Amino acid sequence: MIEDISVLKEKEEELKSQLLKFKVEDGKMYLIKEKVPRLSQTVFEDLTKVGYNGFIVSRTPKKNFNNHIKEKIAFFQLTEKNNFETPLNVMIETPRKSVFLFDRLEYLFLKEGFEIVTKFIFKINEMVYFNNLVVLLSVDTSTLTEREIAVIEKETHALEPRFIATFSEEFLQILKYVFQQNGVGVKPSYSDIGEELKISRPTARKRINHLVSRGYLVEHQTGKSKFLELSGKGEILFLT
């Protein structure tokens, strides 16, 4: 008995196009350059929301991901003692429609060395192709040499947003400032933005509220103070 699954696949692709912020295809590995692993987590979570099995490989404890990623995931923590190739054995048994996030890949370069990790990346790429998986490599490229970055880029694809938003300069300068501050681990306040951009408090509040309402900024409150962070949707604007 032969079942035509073309309609089902069309529905899956339609759902992906509606919910995913980036163009992501099965059987490909993507390089995400970021100092702080926010964008990779956003892409990963979007895929798990549309039904992908999620696997995270990281040296960061699992609890650090719980606040950001709400879907059920499998987690493998890298330590000084365990074998970093163990995830390859997991990938062999992994069903299709699965996404792997290798978080802070530069840690492997520092721990194992350039030659070993590049061979590891080659093996991952083969596994991705034959098992039709999606792999996200999150890397702080400021910690790597140009040669190391070039090797990774040859084995991976760049993420492309599904849409490009346009902003007037008055809104874009706020997003740029928040992006720069978030990149060094700082969440600026409303008053920080007003002082930096030399705009009045009411004007700053009005523009920020507009960006929050459209989902480009996320507001965090501590006591009476409010602090801002770019959302995954906002980070798309600065993807390189």
Protein backbone atom coordinates (compact mmCIF):
# COMPACT_ATOMS: atom_id res chain seq x y z
CA MET A 1 0.00 0.00 0.00
CA ILE A 2 1.46 3.33 -1.10
CA GLU A 3 0.47 6.52 0.71
CA ASP A 4 0.78 9.89 -0.99
CA ILE A 5 2.41 12.18 1.58
CA SER A 6 2.91 15.13 -0.76
CA VAL A 7 -0.12 16.97 0.70
CA LEU A 8 1.18 16.41 4.24
CA LYS A 9 4.61 17.74 3.27
CA GLU A 10 3.03 20.80 1.66
CA LYS A 11 1.13 21.51 4.88
CA GLU A 12 4.34 21.13 6.91
CA GLU A 13 6.19 23.57 4.65
CA GLU A 14 3.29 26.03 4.85
CA LEU A 15 3.39 25.86 8.66
CA LYS A 16 7.15 26.40 8.65
CA SER A 17 6.84 29.43 6.39
CA GLN A 18 4.22 30.95 8.70
CA LEU A 19 6.05 30.40 11.98
CA LEU A 20 9.78 30.38 11.19
CA LYS A 21 11.66 33.67 11.08
CA PHE A 22 14.44 32.18 8.92
CA LYS A 23 14.66 30.03 5.81
CA VAL A 24 15.80 26.68 7.21
CA GLU A 25 16.00 23.47 5.15
CA ASP A 26 16.39 19.86 6.23
CA GLY A 27 19.77 18.29 5.46
CA LYS A 28 21.74 21.50 6.06
CA MET A 29 24.07 22.87 8.73
CA TYR A 30 23.97 26.57 9.57
CA LEU A 31 26.61 28.84 11.10
CA ILE A 32 25.34 31.51 13.51
CA LYS A 33 27.93 34.11 14.49
CA GLU A 34 27.06 35.65 17.85
CA LYS A 35 28.79 36.76 21.02
CA VAL A 36 25.76 35.88 23.15
CA PRO A 37 23.76 32.74 22.16
CA ARG A 38 20.35 34.33 21.70
CA LEU A 39 19.73 34.11 17.97
CA SER A 40 20.64 30.41 17.75
CA GLN A 41 18.26 29.63 20.61
CA THR A 42 15.47 31.54 18.86
CA VAL A 43 15.93 29.56 15.62
CA PHE A 44 16.16 26.31 17.58
CA GLU A 45 12.99 27.02 19.55
CA ASP A 46 11.08 28.01 16.40
CA LEU A 47 11.91 24.62 14.85
CA THR A 48 10.84 22.68 17.94
CA LYS A 49 7.56 24.61 17.94
CA VAL A 50 6.75 23.31 14.45
CA GLY A 51 7.41 19.71 15.46
CA TYR A 52 11.15 19.10 15.20
CA ASN A 53 12.85 16.91 17.81
CA GLY A 54 15.27 19.18 19.66
CA PHE A 55 18.78 18.33 20.87
CA ILE A 56 21.17 20.78 22.52
CA VAL A 57 24.91 20.13 22.90
CA SER A 58 26.50 22.68 25.24
CA ARG A 59 28.98 23.24 28.02
CA THR A 60 26.32 25.41 29.70
CA PRO A 61 24.03 23.61 32.21
CA LYS A 62 20.57 22.72 30.93
CA LYS A 63 18.84 24.97 33.49
CA ASN A 64 20.29 28.02 31.71
CA PHE A 65 18.14 27.19 28.68
CA ASN A 66 14.90 26.60 30.58
CA ASN A 67 13.83 30.27 30.70
CA HIS A 68 14.24 30.72 26.96
CA ILE A 69 13.32 27.36 25.43
CA LYS A 70 9.93 26.08 26.53
CA GLU A 71 9.65 23.00 24.33
CA LYS A 72 10.76 19.54 25.49
CA ILE A 73 14.35 18.88 24.42
CA ALA A 74 17.15 16.35 24.82
CA PHE A 75 20.32 17.80 26.34
CA PHE A 76 23.97 16.74 26.24
CA GLN A 77 26.43 18.67 28.37
CA LEU A 78 30.08 18.95 27.36
CA THR A 79 32.58 18.70 30.21
CA GLU A 80 36.33 18.25 30.58
CA LYS A 81 35.82 14.52 31.12
CA ASN A 82 33.26 13.42 28.55
CA ASN A 83 33.92 12.61 24.92
CA PHE A 84 32.79 15.42 22.63
CA GLU A 85 32.13 12.91 19.82
CA THR A 86 29.34 11.27 21.82
CA PRO A 87 26.72 13.49 20.11
CA LEU A 88 27.64 11.81 16.81
CA ASN A 89 26.40 8.48 18.17
CA VAL A 90 23.16 10.21 19.17
CA MET A 91 22.77 11.65 15.68
CA ILE A 92 23.04 8.20 14.09
CA GLU A 93 19.94 7.04 15.97
CA THR A 94 18.06 10.33 15.65
CA PRO A 95 14.84 10.33 13.63
CA ARG A 96 14.39 12.71 10.74
CA LYS A 97 12.85 16.09 11.39
CA SER A 98 15.33 16.77 14.19
CA VAL A 99 17.39 19.86 14.99
CA PHE A 100 20.71 19.93 16.85
CA LEU A 101 22.07 23.09 18.44
CA PHE A 102 25.82 23.00 19.10
CA ASP A 103 26.10 25.88 21.53
CA ARG A 104 29.39 27.81 21.96
CA LEU A 105 31.37 25.77 19.42
CA GLU A 106 34.48 27.86 20.13
CA TYR A 107 34.78 25.94 23.42
CA LEU A 108 35.62 22.82 21.42
CA PHE A 109 38.31 24.67 19.49
CA LEU A 110 39.91 25.78 22.75
CA LYS A 111 39.56 22.36 24.37
CA GLU A 112 40.41 19.99 21.51
CA GLY A 113 42.32 22.07 18.96
CA PHE A 114 41.66 23.18 15.41
CA GLU A 115 42.41 19.93 13.52
CA ILE A 116 40.29 17.67 15.73
CA VAL A 117 37.29 19.98 15.72
CA THR A 118 37.33 20.53 11.97
CA LYS A 119 37.26 16.74 11.47
CA PHE A 120 34.34 16.70 13.91
CA ILE A 121 32.54 19.32 11.80
CA PHE A 122 33.12 17.26 8.63
CA LYS A 123 31.56 14.22 10.34
CA ILE A 124 28.58 16.26 11.50
CA ASN A 125 28.03 17.55 7.98
CA GLU A 126 27.94 14.01 6.59
CA MET A 127 25.45 12.99 9.26
CA VAL A 128 23.28 16.03 8.53
CA TYR A 129 23.13 15.19 4.84
CA PHE A 130 22.44 11.46 5.09
CA ASN A 131 19.98 11.70 8.01
CA ASN A 132 18.28 14.85 6.68
CA LEU A 133 18.80 16.76 9.93
CA VAL A 134 19.14 20.45 10.73
CA VAL A 135 22.22 21.53 12.70
CA LEU A 136 22.86 25.00 14.15
CA LEU A 137 26.43 25.93 15.08
CA SER A 138 26.58 28.88 17.48
CA VAL A 139 30.04 30.48 17.45
CA ASP A 140 31.63 33.60 18.90
CA THR A 141 33.88 34.25 15.90
CA SER A 142 35.89 36.87 17.79
CA THR A 143 37.62 33.97 19.58
CA LEU A 144 38.68 32.24 16.34
CA THR A 145 41.21 32.99 13.61
CA GLU A 146 40.16 33.96 10.08
CA ARG A 147 41.34 30.55 8.85
CA GLU A 148 39.20 28.71 11.40
CA ILE A 149 36.17 30.80 10.50
CA ALA A 150 36.74 30.17 6.78
CA VAL A 151 36.86 26.40 7.32
CA ILE A 152 33.55 26.44 9.20
CA GLU A 153 31.92 28.68 6.59
CA LYS A 154 32.85 26.24 3.80
CA GLU A 155 30.99 23.46 5.59
CA THR A 156 27.92 25.47 6.55
CA HIS A 157 25.19 27.70 5.22
CA ALA A 158 24.30 31.23 6.30
CA LEU A 159 20.87 31.92 7.76
CA GLU A 160 18.57 34.06 5.65
CA PRO A 161 15.57 35.87 7.17
CA ARG A 162 12.16 35.23 5.64
CA PHE A 163 11.43 38.94 5.67
CA ILE A 164 13.38 42.20 5.80
CA ALA A 165 11.75 44.95 7.84
CA THR A 166 12.38 48.60 7.08
CA PHE A 167 12.54 51.28 9.75
CA SER A 168 12.88 54.99 9.87
CA GLU A 169 16.17 56.17 11.35
CA GLU A 170 14.52 57.22 14.63
CA PHE A 171 13.49 53.62 15.37
CA LEU A 172 16.56 51.97 13.85
CA GLN A 173 18.98 53.94 16.04
CA ILE A 174 17.20 52.63 19.14
CA LEU A 175 17.45 49.04 17.89
CA LYS A 176 21.12 49.52 17.01
CA TYR A 177 21.93 50.85 20.46
CA VAL A 178 20.11 48.01 22.24
CA PHE A 179 21.83 45.49 19.93
CA GLN A 180 25.26 46.91 20.76
CA GLN A 181 24.57 46.92 24.49
CA ASN A 182 23.13 43.41 24.49
CA GLY A 183 26.24 42.25 22.65
CA VAL A 184 28.37 43.12 25.69
CA GLY A 185 25.86 41.66 28.13
CA VAL A 186 24.02 44.89 29.06
CA LYS A 187 20.26 45.49 28.96
CA PRO A 188 19.83 49.29 28.66
CA SER A 189 17.07 51.15 30.46
CA TYR A 190 14.66 53.67 28.96
CA SER A 191 16.71 56.51 30.44
CA ASP A 192 19.95 55.04 29.04
CA ILE A 193 18.48 55.18 25.55
CA GLY A 194 17.17 58.72 26.00
CA GLU A 195 20.54 59.97 27.24
CA GLU A 196 22.58 58.14 24.60
CA LEU A 197 20.41 59.25 21.67
CA LYS A 198 19.67 62.68 23.14
CA ILE A 199 15.91 62.43 22.95
CA SER A 200 13.36 63.37 25.60
CA ARG A 201 12.00 60.79 28.02
CA PRO A 202 8.40 60.91 26.60
CA THR A 203 9.72 60.54 23.04
CA ALA A 204 12.00 57.65 24.00
CA ARG A 205 9.14 55.91 25.82
CA LYS A 206 6.77 56.32 22.85
CA ARG A 207 9.28 54.91 20.34
CA ILE A 208 10.32 52.05 22.61
CA ASN A 209 6.72 51.09 23.31
CA HIS A 210 6.10 50.95 19.56
CA LEU A 211 9.05 48.56 19.07
CA VAL A 212 7.96 46.41 22.02
CA SER A 213 4.38 46.18 20.71
CA ARG A 214 5.68 45.04 17.31
CA GLY A 215 7.85 42.35 18.90
CA TYR A 216 11.31 43.78 18.13
CA LEU A 217 12.19 44.55 21.74
CA VAL A 218 11.54 42.59 24.94
CA GLU A 219 10.96 44.51 28.15
CA HIS A 220 12.23 43.23 31.51
CA GLN A 221 11.22 44.83 34.78
CA THR A 222 13.19 44.84 38.04
CA GLY A 223 11.37 46.78 40.73
CA LYS A 224 10.36 50.06 39.14
CA SER A 225 13.12 49.92 36.50
CA LYS A 226 12.59 48.59 32.98
CA PHE A 227 15.36 47.16 30.83
CA LEU A 228 15.39 46.22 27.16
CA GLU A 229 16.63 43.35 25.06
CA LEU A 230 16.34 42.59 21.36
CA SER A 231 13.95 39.75 20.56
CA GLY A 232 14.82 37.09 18.01
CA LYS A 233 12.73 39.07 15.55
CA GLY A 234 14.81 42.16 16.32
CA GLU A 235 18.13 40.33 15.96
CA ILE A 236 17.22 39.33 12.41
CA LEU A 237 17.76 42.94 11.40
CA PHE A 238 21.44 42.71 12.34
CA LEU A 239 22.17 39.25 10.98
CA THR A 240 25.37 39.20 8.94
